[in-house]
């Protein structure tokens, strides 16, 4: 994976990902958007163990799909939930929302 600024938007993120992942990456990103909703609900319900599990899964899955940033954010969410640091959970969630809004995937052969 290679990352560079996206010329189409001022602060876009372009990721170059192996073409073999083209069929599954859109679903992976959609699942991360659902994770955001689940994290926000879990935070309101004080269900930090659920956030910890989501973060752990993101940490493990992100790199395999070519999204190291998602792995890093997942690790941060997992650690913040383990520390019961709700402010850090909110910060990591906002970073995830921002990443998902700005990422543009280009598939390379």
Protein backbone atom coordinates (compact mmCIF):
# COMPACT_ATOMS: atom_id res chain seq x y z
CA UNK A 1 0.00 0.00 0.00
CA UNK A 2 1.14 3.51 -0.81
CA UNK A 3 -0.41 6.65 0.58
CA UNK A 4 -0.37 10.13 -0.91
CA UNK A 5 -2.54 13.21 -0.90
CA UNK A 6 -5.55 13.03 -3.19
CA UNK A 7 -5.56 15.77 -5.79
CA UNK A 8 -9.36 15.68 -6.07
CA UNK A 9 -9.99 17.02 -2.59
CA UNK A 10 -7.89 19.33 -0.50
CA UNK A 11 -7.20 16.86 2.29
CA UNK A 12 -8.04 13.58 0.62
CA UNK A 13 -6.15 10.37 1.25
CA UNK A 14 -5.42 8.10 -1.70
CA UNK A 15 -4.52 4.50 -0.93
CA UNK A 16 -3.15 2.20 -3.60
CA UNK A 17 -4.36 -1.30 -2.85
CA UNK A 18 -3.86 -4.59 -4.65
CA UNK A 19 -6.51 -5.18 -7.31
CA UNK A 20 -7.16 -8.63 -5.85
CA UNK A 21 -8.95 -6.93 -2.93
CA UNK A 22 -11.28 -4.87 -5.12
CA UNK A 23 -14.34 -7.02 -4.46
CA UNK A 24 -14.00 -7.01 -0.67
CA UNK A 25 -12.64 -3.55 0.21
CA UNK A 26 -15.96 -1.68 -0.25
CA UNK A 27 -17.63 -4.08 2.20
CA UNK A 28 -14.71 -3.73 4.61
CA UNK A 29 -15.05 0.07 4.59
CA UNK A 30 -18.84 -0.13 4.98
CA UNK A 31 -18.34 -2.39 8.01
CA UNK A 32 -16.02 0.23 9.54
CA UNK A 33 -18.77 2.83 9.05
CA UNK A 34 -21.13 0.53 10.91
CA UNK A 35 -18.47 0.12 13.60
CA UNK A 36 -18.57 3.89 14.13
CA UNK A 37 -22.29 3.69 14.85
CA UNK A 38 -21.80 0.72 17.15
CA UNK A 39 -18.97 2.47 19.02
CA UNK A 40 -21.07 5.60 19.50
CA UNK A 41 -23.98 3.55 20.86
CA UNK A 42 -21.69 1.48 23.08
CA UNK A 43 -20.13 4.66 24.46
CA UNK A 44 -23.56 6.00 25.37
CA UNK A 45 -24.43 2.68 27.00
CA UNK A 46 -21.03 2.55 28.77
CA UNK A 47 -20.30 -0.76 27.06
CA UNK A 48 -16.54 -0.35 26.90
CA UNK A 49 -15.92 -4.07 26.48
CA UNK A 50 -17.74 -3.96 23.13
CA UNK A 51 -15.56 -1.05 22.04
CA UNK A 52 -12.48 -2.96 23.13
CA UNK A 53 -13.52 -5.95 20.99
CA UNK A 54 -14.24 -3.74 17.96
CA UNK A 55 -10.89 -2.00 18.37
CA UNK A 56 -9.08 -5.32 18.65
CA UNK A 57 -10.75 -6.61 15.49
CA UNK A 58 -9.94 -3.42 13.58
CA UNK A 59 -6.34 -3.62 14.75
CA UNK A 60 -6.05 -7.13 13.34
CA UNK A 61 -8.01 -6.67 10.12
CA UNK A 62 -6.91 -3.25 8.87
CA UNK A 63 -3.44 -4.13 7.64
CA UNK A 64 -4.66 -7.26 5.88
CA UNK A 65 -6.90 -5.11 3.71
CA UNK A 66 -4.21 -2.47 3.14
CA UNK A 67 -5.47 0.00 5.74
CA UNK A 68 -2.71 0.45 8.31
CA UNK A 69 -4.42 3.61 9.58
CA UNK A 70 -7.47 1.53 10.55
CA UNK A 71 -5.21 -0.91 12.40
CA UNK A 72 -3.63 1.98 14.31
CA UNK A 73 -7.01 3.51 15.17
CA UNK A 74 -8.29 0.11 16.25
CA UNK A 75 -5.32 -0.32 18.58
CA UNK A 76 -6.02 3.11 20.03
CA UNK A 77 -9.69 2.29 20.57
CA UNK A 78 -8.83 -1.02 22.19
CA UNK A 79 -6.35 0.59 24.58
CA UNK A 80 -8.63 3.52 25.40
CA UNK A 81 -11.53 1.18 26.19
CA UNK A 82 -9.28 -0.93 28.41
CA UNK A 83 -8.29 2.25 30.30
CA UNK A 84 -11.94 3.39 30.38
CA UNK A 85 -10.81 6.62 28.74
CA UNK A 86 -14.00 7.86 27.08
CA UNK A 87 -12.37 11.05 25.79
CA UNK A 88 -9.71 9.02 23.97
CA UNK A 89 -12.41 6.75 22.55
CA UNK A 90 -14.19 9.82 21.18
CA UNK A 91 -10.96 11.17 19.68
CA UNK A 92 -10.14 7.87 17.97
CA UNK A 93 -13.71 7.56 16.71
CA UNK A 94 -13.55 11.07 15.23
CA UNK A 95 -10.26 10.18 13.53
CA UNK A 96 -11.88 7.06 12.09
CA UNK A 97 -14.85 9.09 10.80
CA UNK A 98 -12.45 11.59 9.24
CA UNK A 99 -10.35 8.85 7.62
CA UNK A 100 -13.40 7.11 6.17
CA UNK A 101 -14.68 10.41 4.77
CA UNK A 102 -11.38 11.28 3.09
CA UNK A 103 -10.08 7.94 1.84
CA UNK A 104 -10.04 7.23 -1.88
CA UNK A 105 -9.01 3.72 -2.93
CA UNK A 106 -7.15 3.11 -6.18
CA UNK A 107 -6.62 -0.50 -7.15
CA UNK A 108 -3.27 -1.36 -8.67
CA UNK A 109 -2.46 -4.35 -10.81
